[in-house]
């Protein structure tokens, strides 16, 4: 019987979260869901809202895509390669670095947020853009990645895109 009571409470709580966040009482257990409702992520921003939160100058964007650890490799490349000194990755371009935090408590919202804002960064990029990718030739990279779905297709046509290798100094112009 406890399981039935729990399930009843869970269903009622889910309805309350999606409508009005008030305490509910199932008769067996009183549940105050106001704290739960307050932890939900706000609606996702639009691409334009993300652009408004980014500080993107010409010749400043470094994208990266690869196995785990590529964000760190991108930061290392910025420090180690003179031609990347003025470049930044998405996480370094926020006007208010804490703005993104409101979508980080929900795994799906976080993923969707970075898809949207990665597209915004791509659209806002100009001049020479670099992308750190595992070694390969031309436009071969893992399909389905944020780079493949949101960044590469949205980089303006007048931008020059140079692919750089994370493990050596190899560079290859892949656009422009």
N, C-alpha and C. Protein backbone atom coordinates (compact mmCIF):
# COMPACT_ATOMS: atom_id res chain seq x y z
N UNK A 1 0.81 -1.19 0.00
CA UNK A 1 0.00 0.00 0.00
C UNK A 1 0.86 1.26 0.00
N UNK A 2 2.05 1.19 0.59
CA UNK A 2 2.92 2.35 0.59
C UNK A 2 3.34 2.73 -0.82
N UNK A 3 3.56 1.75 -1.68
CA UNK A 3 3.94 2.02 -3.06
C UNK A 3 2.83 2.78 -3.78
N UNK A 4 1.60 2.36 -3.57
CA UNK A 4 0.47 3.03 -4.20
C UNK A 4 0.38 4.48 -3.74
N UNK A 5 0.58 4.71 -2.47
CA UNK A 5 0.55 6.07 -1.92
C UNK A 5 1.67 6.92 -2.52
N UNK A 6 2.86 6.33 -2.63
CA UNK A 6 4.00 7.04 -3.21
C UNK A 6 3.70 7.42 -4.66
N UNK A 7 3.18 6.46 -5.44
CA UNK A 7 2.89 6.73 -6.85
C UNK A 7 1.83 7.81 -7.00
N UNK A 8 0.80 7.75 -6.15
CA UNK A 8 -0.24 8.77 -6.17
C UNK A 8 0.36 10.15 -5.90
N UNK A 9 1.23 10.23 -4.91
CA UNK A 9 1.89 11.49 -4.57
C UNK A 9 2.76 11.98 -5.72
N UNK A 10 3.50 11.07 -6.34
CA UNK A 10 4.38 11.44 -7.45
C UNK A 10 3.59 11.99 -8.63
N UNK A 11 2.48 11.35 -8.96
CA UNK A 11 1.65 11.82 -10.08
C UNK A 11 1.07 13.20 -9.76
N UNK A 12 0.54 13.36 -8.58
CA UNK A 12 -0.02 14.66 -8.19
C UNK A 12 1.06 15.74 -8.19
N UNK A 13 2.24 15.39 -7.72
CA UNK A 13 3.35 16.36 -7.70
C UNK A 13 3.73 16.77 -9.11
N UNK A 14 3.75 15.83 -10.03
CA UNK A 14 4.11 16.17 -11.41
C UNK A 14 3.08 17.09 -12.03
N UNK A 15 1.79 16.87 -11.73
CA UNK A 15 0.77 17.79 -12.22
C UNK A 15 0.94 19.17 -11.61
N UNK A 16 1.24 19.22 -10.35
CA UNK A 16 1.40 20.51 -9.67
C UNK A 16 2.61 21.26 -10.19
N UNK A 17 3.67 20.56 -10.49
CA UNK A 17 4.89 21.21 -11.00
C UNK A 17 4.60 21.88 -12.34
N UNK A 18 3.80 21.22 -13.17
CA UNK A 18 3.53 21.77 -14.49
C UNK A 18 2.43 22.81 -14.48
N UNK A 19 1.70 22.95 -13.39
CA UNK A 19 0.65 23.96 -13.35
C UNK A 19 0.99 25.02 -12.32
N UNK A 20 0.59 24.81 -11.08
CA UNK A 20 0.90 25.78 -10.03
C UNK A 20 1.67 25.08 -8.93
N UNK A 21 2.69 25.68 -8.47
CA UNK A 21 3.56 25.04 -7.48
C UNK A 21 3.08 25.36 -6.07
N UNK A 22 2.14 24.57 -5.60
CA UNK A 22 1.61 24.74 -4.25
C UNK A 22 1.77 23.44 -3.48
N UNK A 23 1.71 23.50 -2.15
CA UNK A 23 1.75 22.24 -1.40
C UNK A 23 0.54 21.40 -1.76
N UNK A 24 0.73 20.07 -1.81
CA UNK A 24 -0.39 19.19 -2.08
C UNK A 24 -0.53 18.20 -0.94
N UNK A 25 -1.72 17.69 -0.76
CA UNK A 25 -1.97 16.70 0.29
C UNK A 25 -2.79 15.58 -0.31
N UNK A 26 -2.23 14.39 -0.32
CA UNK A 26 -2.91 13.23 -0.89
C UNK A 26 -3.76 12.52 0.14
N UNK A 27 -3.79 12.98 1.34
CA UNK A 27 -4.51 12.30 2.40
C UNK A 27 -3.55 11.46 3.23
N UNK A 28 -2.60 10.82 2.58
CA UNK A 28 -1.62 9.99 3.28
C UNK A 28 -0.36 10.77 3.59
N UNK A 29 0.08 11.58 2.61
CA UNK A 29 1.36 12.27 2.73
C UNK A 29 1.20 13.69 2.19
N UNK A 30 1.66 14.67 2.92
CA UNK A 30 1.67 16.04 2.43
C UNK A 30 3.03 16.30 1.79
N UNK A 31 3.02 16.87 0.61
CA UNK A 31 4.25 17.14 -0.10
C UNK A 31 4.27 18.61 -0.52
N UNK A 32 5.31 19.31 -0.15
CA UNK A 32 5.48 20.70 -0.58
C UNK A 32 6.45 20.70 -1.74
N UNK A 33 5.94 20.94 -2.93
CA UNK A 33 6.77 20.86 -4.13
C UNK A 33 7.30 22.20 -4.57
N UNK A 34 7.10 23.25 -3.80
CA UNK A 34 7.57 24.57 -4.23
C UNK A 34 9.07 24.59 -4.44
N UNK A 35 9.84 23.93 -3.63
CA UNK A 35 11.29 23.87 -3.80
C UNK A 35 11.69 23.15 -5.06
N UNK A 36 10.93 22.11 -5.41
CA UNK A 36 11.21 21.36 -6.64
C UNK A 36 10.95 22.25 -7.85
N UNK A 37 9.82 22.93 -7.86
CA UNK A 37 9.47 23.77 -9.00
C UNK A 37 10.49 24.89 -9.21
N UNK A 38 11.05 25.41 -8.13
CA UNK A 38 12.02 26.49 -8.23
C UNK A 38 13.33 26.05 -8.86
N UNK A 39 13.63 24.76 -8.89
CA UNK A 39 14.89 24.26 -9.41
C UNK A 39 14.82 23.93 -10.90
N UNK A 40 13.64 24.02 -11.49
CA UNK A 40 13.52 23.75 -12.92
C UNK A 40 14.27 24.81 -13.72
N UNK A 41 14.80 24.41 -14.84
CA UNK A 41 15.49 25.35 -15.71
C UNK A 41 14.46 26.27 -16.35
N UNK A 42 14.82 27.52 -16.56
CA UNK A 42 13.91 28.43 -17.27
C UNK A 42 13.79 27.99 -18.73
N UNK A 43 12.86 28.57 -19.46
CA UNK A 43 12.78 28.24 -20.89
C UNK A 43 14.14 28.48 -21.57
N UNK A 44 14.43 27.66 -22.55
CA UNK A 44 15.71 27.79 -23.26
C UNK A 44 15.77 29.12 -24.01
N UNK A 45 16.96 29.70 -24.10
CA UNK A 45 17.10 30.94 -24.85
C UNK A 45 17.02 30.66 -26.35
N UNK A 46 16.77 31.71 -27.11
CA UNK A 46 16.83 31.61 -28.57
C UNK A 46 18.28 31.82 -29.01
N UNK A 47 18.54 31.57 -30.26
CA UNK A 47 19.87 31.83 -30.81
C UNK A 47 20.21 33.32 -30.64
N UNK A 48 19.24 34.18 -30.89
CA UNK A 48 19.48 35.62 -30.76
C UNK A 48 19.76 36.02 -29.32
N UNK A 49 19.07 35.41 -28.36
CA UNK A 49 19.32 35.70 -26.94
C UNK A 49 20.73 35.26 -26.55
N UNK A 50 21.17 34.12 -27.08
CA UNK A 50 22.54 33.67 -26.82
C UNK A 50 23.55 34.65 -27.41
N UNK A 51 23.30 35.10 -28.63
CA UNK A 51 24.22 36.05 -29.26
C UNK A 51 24.36 37.31 -28.42
N UNK A 52 23.25 37.75 -27.83
CA UNK A 52 23.28 38.96 -27.00
C UNK A 52 24.12 38.76 -25.74
N UNK A 53 24.34 37.53 -25.33
CA UNK A 53 25.12 37.23 -24.14
C UNK A 53 26.59 36.95 -24.45
N UNK A 54 26.94 36.93 -25.73
CA UNK A 54 28.31 36.61 -26.14
C UNK A 54 29.07 37.86 -26.57
N UNK A 55 30.35 37.83 -26.31
CA UNK A 55 31.25 38.89 -26.76
C UNK A 55 32.19 38.26 -27.79
N UNK A 56 31.82 38.37 -29.07
CA UNK A 56 32.56 37.70 -30.14
C UNK A 56 33.15 38.74 -31.08
N UNK A 57 34.46 38.84 -31.09
CA UNK A 57 35.16 39.74 -32.02
C UNK A 57 35.58 38.95 -33.25
N UNK A 58 35.86 39.66 -34.32
CA UNK A 58 36.40 39.01 -35.51
C UNK A 58 37.75 38.38 -35.17
N UNK A 59 38.06 37.28 -35.81
CA UNK A 59 39.34 36.58 -35.59
C UNK A 59 39.53 36.21 -34.11
N UNK A 60 38.50 35.60 -33.51
CA UNK A 60 38.62 35.26 -32.08
C UNK A 60 38.02 33.92 -31.69
N UNK A 61 37.40 33.20 -32.64
CA UNK A 61 36.67 31.98 -32.28
C UNK A 61 37.49 30.72 -32.53
N UNK A 62 37.56 29.90 -31.49
CA UNK A 62 38.16 28.57 -31.60
C UNK A 62 37.10 27.55 -31.21
N UNK A 63 36.71 26.73 -32.17
CA UNK A 63 35.81 25.61 -31.91
C UNK A 63 36.66 24.38 -31.66
N UNK A 64 36.06 23.37 -31.09
CA UNK A 64 36.76 22.10 -30.89
C UNK A 64 35.74 20.98 -30.93
N UNK A 65 36.19 19.82 -31.37
CA UNK A 65 35.34 18.65 -31.38
C UNK A 65 36.24 17.42 -31.39
N UNK A 66 35.97 16.53 -30.49
CA UNK A 66 36.76 15.31 -30.42
C UNK A 66 36.39 14.54 -29.18
N UNK A 67 37.15 13.52 -28.88
CA UNK A 67 36.87 12.70 -27.71
C UNK A 67 36.98 13.53 -26.42
N UNK A 68 36.63 12.93 -25.35
CA UNK A 68 36.69 13.57 -24.03
C UNK A 68 38.02 14.30 -23.83
N UNK A 69 37.93 15.49 -23.25
CA UNK A 69 39.14 16.24 -22.96
C UNK A 69 39.50 17.30 -23.99
N UNK A 70 38.70 17.44 -25.05
CA UNK A 70 39.05 18.41 -26.08
C UNK A 70 38.88 19.85 -25.65
N UNK A 71 38.02 20.14 -24.70
CA UNK A 71 37.93 21.52 -24.19
C UNK A 71 39.26 21.90 -23.56
N UNK A 72 39.84 21.00 -22.79
CA UNK A 72 41.15 21.24 -22.19
C UNK A 72 42.23 21.38 -23.24
N UNK A 73 42.17 20.55 -24.28
CA UNK A 73 43.16 20.65 -25.36
C UNK A 73 43.04 22.00 -26.07
N UNK A 74 41.81 22.48 -26.22
CA UNK A 74 41.61 23.77 -26.87
C UNK A 74 42.22 24.89 -26.02
N UNK A 75 41.99 24.85 -24.71
CA UNK A 75 42.58 25.87 -23.81
C UNK A 75 44.10 25.79 -23.85
N UNK A 76 44.66 24.58 -23.88
CA UNK A 76 46.12 24.42 -23.97
C UNK A 76 46.65 24.99 -25.28
N UNK A 77 45.93 24.74 -26.37
CA UNK A 77 46.36 25.25 -27.67
C UNK A 77 46.40 26.78 -27.67
N UNK A 78 45.41 27.40 -27.04
CA UNK A 78 45.39 28.87 -26.96
C UNK A 78 46.63 29.38 -26.23
N UNK A 79 47.02 28.71 -25.18
CA UNK A 79 48.20 29.13 -24.41
C UNK A 79 49.51 28.85 -25.15
N UNK A 80 49.54 27.75 -25.89
CA UNK A 80 50.80 27.31 -26.48
C UNK A 80 51.07 27.82 -27.90
N UNK A 81 50.06 28.20 -28.63
CA UNK A 81 50.24 28.59 -30.03
C UNK A 81 50.04 30.09 -30.18
N UNK A 82 51.08 30.77 -30.57
CA UNK A 82 51.05 32.23 -30.67
C UNK A 82 49.90 32.75 -31.53
N UNK A 83 49.59 32.08 -32.63
CA UNK A 83 48.54 32.56 -33.53
C UNK A 83 47.14 32.45 -32.91
N UNK A 84 47.01 31.77 -31.78
CA UNK A 84 45.71 31.63 -31.11
C UNK A 84 45.56 32.54 -29.87
N UNK A 85 46.52 33.40 -29.61
CA UNK A 85 46.51 34.21 -28.37
C UNK A 85 45.23 35.03 -28.20
N UNK A 86 44.64 35.52 -29.28
CA UNK A 86 43.41 36.33 -29.17
C UNK A 86 42.14 35.49 -29.29
N UNK A 87 42.30 34.18 -29.37
CA UNK A 87 41.15 33.30 -29.60
C UNK A 87 40.59 32.76 -28.28
N UNK A 88 39.29 32.42 -28.33
CA UNK A 88 38.60 31.90 -27.16
C UNK A 88 37.61 30.82 -27.58
N UNK A 89 37.29 29.94 -26.63
CA UNK A 89 36.23 28.97 -26.83
C UNK A 89 34.94 29.56 -26.25
N UNK A 90 33.82 28.94 -26.52
CA UNK A 90 32.52 29.44 -26.09
C UNK A 90 32.49 29.80 -24.61
N UNK A 91 32.99 28.94 -23.76
CA UNK A 91 32.95 29.17 -22.31
C UNK A 91 33.69 30.42 -21.85
N UNK A 92 34.54 30.97 -22.70
CA UNK A 92 35.31 32.16 -22.37
C UNK A 92 34.73 33.44 -22.98
N UNK A 93 33.61 33.32 -23.69
CA UNK A 93 33.06 34.48 -24.41
C UNK A 93 31.80 35.06 -23.78
N UNK A 94 31.36 34.54 -22.66
CA UNK A 94 30.14 35.07 -22.04
C UNK A 94 30.39 36.47 -21.49
N UNK A 95 29.47 37.38 -21.73
CA UNK A 95 29.53 38.70 -21.10
C UNK A 95 29.36 38.56 -19.59
N UNK A 96 28.47 37.67 -19.18
CA UNK A 96 28.25 37.35 -17.77
C UNK A 96 28.44 35.83 -17.64
N UNK A 97 29.60 35.38 -17.16
CA UNK A 97 29.89 33.94 -17.12
C UNK A 97 28.87 33.10 -16.35
N UNK A 98 28.14 33.70 -15.42
CA UNK A 98 27.17 32.91 -14.65
C UNK A 98 25.82 32.78 -15.36
N UNK A 99 25.62 33.51 -16.46
CA UNK A 99 24.34 33.44 -17.18
C UNK A 99 23.99 32.02 -17.57
N UNK A 100 24.95 31.25 -18.01
CA UNK A 100 24.71 29.88 -18.46
C UNK A 100 24.31 28.93 -17.33
N UNK A 101 24.60 29.29 -16.09
CA UNK A 101 24.37 28.38 -14.97
C UNK A 101 22.91 27.99 -14.78
N UNK A 102 21.99 28.81 -15.20
CA UNK A 102 20.57 28.53 -14.96
C UNK A 102 20.07 27.31 -15.73
N UNK A 103 20.83 26.83 -16.70
CA UNK A 103 20.43 25.64 -17.46
C UNK A 103 21.29 24.42 -17.12
N UNK A 104 22.13 24.49 -16.11
CA UNK A 104 23.07 23.41 -15.84
C UNK A 104 22.58 22.36 -14.85
N UNK A 105 21.43 22.56 -14.21
CA UNK A 105 20.92 21.57 -13.26
C UNK A 105 20.10 20.48 -13.91
N UNK A 106 19.84 20.60 -15.18
CA UNK A 106 19.03 19.64 -15.92
C UNK A 106 19.85 19.18 -17.12
N UNK A 107 20.16 17.89 -17.18
CA UNK A 107 21.07 17.38 -18.22
C UNK A 107 20.56 17.67 -19.63
N UNK A 108 19.27 17.47 -19.89
CA UNK A 108 18.75 17.71 -21.23
C UNK A 108 18.73 19.21 -21.54
N UNK A 109 18.33 20.03 -20.56
CA UNK A 109 18.32 21.48 -20.78
C UNK A 109 19.74 21.97 -21.06
N UNK A 110 20.72 21.43 -20.36
CA UNK A 110 22.11 21.83 -20.57
C UNK A 110 22.56 21.49 -21.98
N UNK A 111 22.25 20.29 -22.44
CA UNK A 111 22.62 19.87 -23.79
C UNK A 111 21.95 20.78 -24.83
N UNK A 112 20.65 21.01 -24.65
CA UNK A 112 19.92 21.86 -25.59
C UNK A 112 20.45 23.29 -25.56
N UNK A 113 20.76 23.79 -24.37
CA UNK A 113 21.31 25.13 -24.22
C UNK A 113 22.61 25.27 -25.02
N UNK A 114 23.52 24.30 -24.87
CA UNK A 114 24.79 24.40 -25.59
C UNK A 114 24.63 24.20 -27.09
N UNK A 115 23.65 23.43 -27.52
CA UNK A 115 23.37 23.35 -28.96
C UNK A 115 22.97 24.73 -29.49
N UNK A 116 22.06 25.38 -28.79
CA UNK A 116 21.57 26.69 -29.23
C UNK A 116 22.69 27.72 -29.21
N UNK A 117 23.43 27.77 -28.11
CA UNK A 117 24.47 28.81 -27.98
C UNK A 117 25.69 28.51 -28.85
N UNK A 118 25.94 27.25 -29.14
CA UNK A 118 27.02 26.92 -30.09
C UNK A 118 26.65 27.40 -31.49
N UNK A 119 25.39 27.26 -31.86
CA UNK A 119 24.93 27.80 -33.14
C UNK A 119 25.06 29.31 -33.14
N UNK A 120 24.69 29.94 -32.04
CA UNK A 120 24.80 31.41 -31.93
C UNK A 120 26.25 31.85 -32.11
N UNK A 121 27.18 31.14 -31.47
CA UNK A 121 28.60 31.48 -31.60
C UNK A 121 29.05 31.33 -33.05
N UNK A 122 28.63 30.25 -33.69
CA UNK A 122 29.02 30.05 -35.09
C UNK A 122 28.50 31.19 -35.96
N UNK A 123 27.24 31.56 -35.79
CA UNK A 123 26.67 32.63 -36.60
C UNK A 123 27.35 33.97 -36.34
N UNK A 124 27.82 34.19 -35.11
CA UNK A 124 28.45 35.46 -34.74
C UNK A 124 29.94 35.52 -35.10
N UNK A 125 30.52 34.39 -35.46
CA UNK A 125 31.96 34.34 -35.77
C UNK A 125 32.25 34.96 -37.13
N UNK A 126 33.44 35.53 -37.24
CA UNK A 126 33.84 36.15 -38.50
C UNK A 126 35.36 36.16 -38.61
N UNK A 127 35.83 36.52 -39.80
CA UNK A 127 37.28 36.55 -40.01
C UNK A 127 37.81 35.13 -40.11
N UNK A 128 38.94 34.90 -39.45
CA UNK A 128 39.53 33.57 -39.44
C UNK A 128 39.06 32.83 -38.19
N UNK A 129 38.49 31.67 -38.42
CA UNK A 129 37.96 30.81 -37.36
C UNK A 129 38.80 29.54 -37.36
N UNK A 130 39.18 29.09 -36.18
CA UNK A 130 39.91 27.83 -36.06
C UNK A 130 39.02 26.77 -35.44
N UNK A 131 39.29 25.52 -35.82
CA UNK A 131 38.62 24.39 -35.20
C UNK A 131 39.66 23.32 -34.89
N UNK A 132 39.68 22.89 -33.65
CA UNK A 132 40.57 21.84 -33.19
C UNK A 132 39.85 20.51 -33.37
N UNK A 133 40.38 19.68 -34.26
CA UNK A 133 39.76 18.39 -34.58
C UNK A 133 40.83 17.30 -34.62
N UNK A 134 40.42 16.07 -34.33
CA UNK A 134 41.39 14.97 -34.49
C UNK A 134 41.94 14.94 -35.91
N UNK A 135 43.15 14.46 -36.06
CA UNK A 135 43.79 14.48 -37.37
C UNK A 135 42.99 13.71 -38.39
N UNK A 136 42.82 14.31 -39.53
CA UNK A 136 42.13 13.74 -40.67
C UNK A 136 42.34 14.70 -41.82
N UNK A 137 41.75 14.45 -42.90
CA UNK A 137 41.88 15.35 -44.05
C UNK A 137 40.52 15.94 -44.40
N UNK A 138 40.55 17.17 -44.82
CA UNK A 138 39.38 17.91 -45.32
C UNK A 138 38.24 17.93 -44.31
N UNK A 139 37.05 17.60 -44.79
CA UNK A 139 35.85 17.76 -43.96
C UNK A 139 35.37 16.44 -43.36
N UNK A 140 36.28 15.61 -42.97
CA UNK A 140 35.92 14.36 -42.32
C UNK A 140 35.98 14.55 -40.81
N UNK A 141 34.84 14.44 -40.16
CA UNK A 141 34.77 14.49 -38.70
C UNK A 141 33.56 13.68 -38.28
N UNK A 142 33.46 13.45 -36.99
CA UNK A 142 32.40 12.61 -36.47
C UNK A 142 31.03 13.27 -36.68
N UNK A 143 30.14 12.55 -37.36
CA UNK A 143 28.81 13.10 -37.59
C UNK A 143 28.00 13.07 -36.30
N UNK A 144 27.08 14.00 -36.20
CA UNK A 144 26.20 14.08 -35.03
C UNK A 144 26.74 14.91 -33.88
N UNK A 145 27.99 15.37 -33.98
CA UNK A 145 28.57 16.20 -32.92
C UNK A 145 28.01 17.61 -33.02
N UNK A 146 28.20 18.41 -31.97
CA UNK A 146 27.77 19.81 -31.99
C UNK A 146 28.46 20.53 -33.16
N UNK A 147 29.73 20.25 -33.38
CA UNK A 147 30.45 20.85 -34.50
C UNK A 147 29.76 20.52 -35.82
N UNK A 148 29.40 19.27 -36.01
CA UNK A 148 28.79 18.80 -37.25
C UNK A 148 27.37 19.35 -37.43
N UNK A 149 26.58 19.38 -36.36
CA UNK A 149 25.18 19.76 -36.46
C UNK A 149 24.91 21.25 -36.33
N UNK A 150 25.65 21.94 -35.45
CA UNK A 150 25.30 23.31 -35.08
C UNK A 150 26.34 24.37 -35.45
N UNK A 151 27.60 24.00 -35.41
CA UNK A 151 28.65 25.00 -35.63
C UNK A 151 29.04 25.10 -37.10
N UNK A 152 29.59 24.04 -37.65
CA UNK A 152 30.05 24.06 -39.04
C UNK A 152 28.99 24.59 -40.01
N UNK A 153 27.74 24.12 -39.97
CA UNK A 153 26.77 24.61 -40.96
C UNK A 153 26.36 26.07 -40.77
N UNK A 154 26.66 26.66 -39.63
CA UNK A 154 26.21 28.02 -39.34
C UNK A 154 27.32 29.07 -39.34
N UNK A 155 28.53 28.68 -39.67
CA UNK A 155 29.61 29.66 -39.79
C UNK A 155 29.35 30.46 -41.07
N UNK A 156 29.40 31.78 -41.00
CA UNK A 156 29.12 32.60 -42.18
C UNK A 156 30.00 32.21 -43.37
N UNK A 157 29.45 32.36 -44.56
CA UNK A 157 30.14 31.95 -45.77
C UNK A 157 31.41 32.76 -46.04
N UNK A 158 31.49 33.97 -45.50
CA UNK A 158 32.68 34.79 -45.74
C UNK A 158 33.79 34.56 -44.71
N UNK A 159 33.58 33.67 -43.77
CA UNK A 159 34.62 33.35 -42.78
C UNK A 159 35.58 32.31 -43.36
N UNK A 160 36.81 32.38 -42.93
CA UNK A 160 37.82 31.39 -43.30
C UNK A 160 37.93 30.43 -42.12
N UNK A 161 37.83 29.13 -42.38
CA UNK A 161 37.90 28.13 -41.31
C UNK A 161 39.16 27.30 -41.51
N UNK A 162 39.98 27.26 -40.48
CA UNK A 162 41.22 26.48 -40.51
C UNK A 162 41.14 25.38 -39.47
N UNK A 163 41.32 24.17 -39.94
CA UNK A 163 41.34 23.00 -39.07
C UNK A 163 42.75 22.87 -38.51
N UNK A 164 42.85 22.71 -37.17
CA UNK A 164 44.16 22.50 -36.56
C UNK A 164 44.16 21.18 -35.81
N UNK A 165 45.32 20.57 -35.80
CA UNK A 165 45.50 19.29 -35.13
C UNK A 165 45.86 19.54 -33.67
N UNK A 166 45.25 18.82 -32.74
CA UNK A 166 45.57 19.02 -31.33
C UNK A 166 46.95 18.50 -30.93
N UNK A 167 47.50 17.59 -31.74
CA UNK A 167 48.74 16.92 -31.35
C UNK A 167 50.00 17.42 -32.06
N UNK A 168 49.82 18.27 -33.07
CA UNK A 168 50.98 18.83 -33.77
C UNK A 168 50.57 20.16 -34.40
N UNK A 169 51.44 20.74 -35.18
CA UNK A 169 51.19 22.08 -35.73
C UNK A 169 50.49 22.05 -37.11
N UNK A 170 49.97 20.90 -37.50
CA UNK A 170 49.30 20.79 -38.80
C UNK A 170 48.09 21.72 -38.87
N UNK A 171 47.99 22.47 -39.96
CA UNK A 171 46.85 23.35 -40.22
C UNK A 171 46.33 23.05 -41.63
N UNK A 172 45.04 23.18 -41.81
CA UNK A 172 44.43 22.94 -43.12
C UNK A 172 43.22 23.85 -43.26
N UNK A 173 43.20 24.67 -44.30
CA UNK A 173 42.03 25.51 -44.57
C UNK A 173 40.93 24.61 -45.13
N UNK A 174 39.77 24.63 -44.48
CA UNK A 174 38.66 23.79 -44.93
C UNK A 174 37.48 24.62 -45.45
N UNK A 175 37.60 25.95 -45.33
CA UNK A 175 36.57 26.84 -45.87
C UNK A 175 37.18 28.22 -46.06
N UNK A 176 36.83 28.84 -47.18
CA UNK A 176 37.26 30.23 -47.42
C UNK A 176 38.58 30.39 -48.11
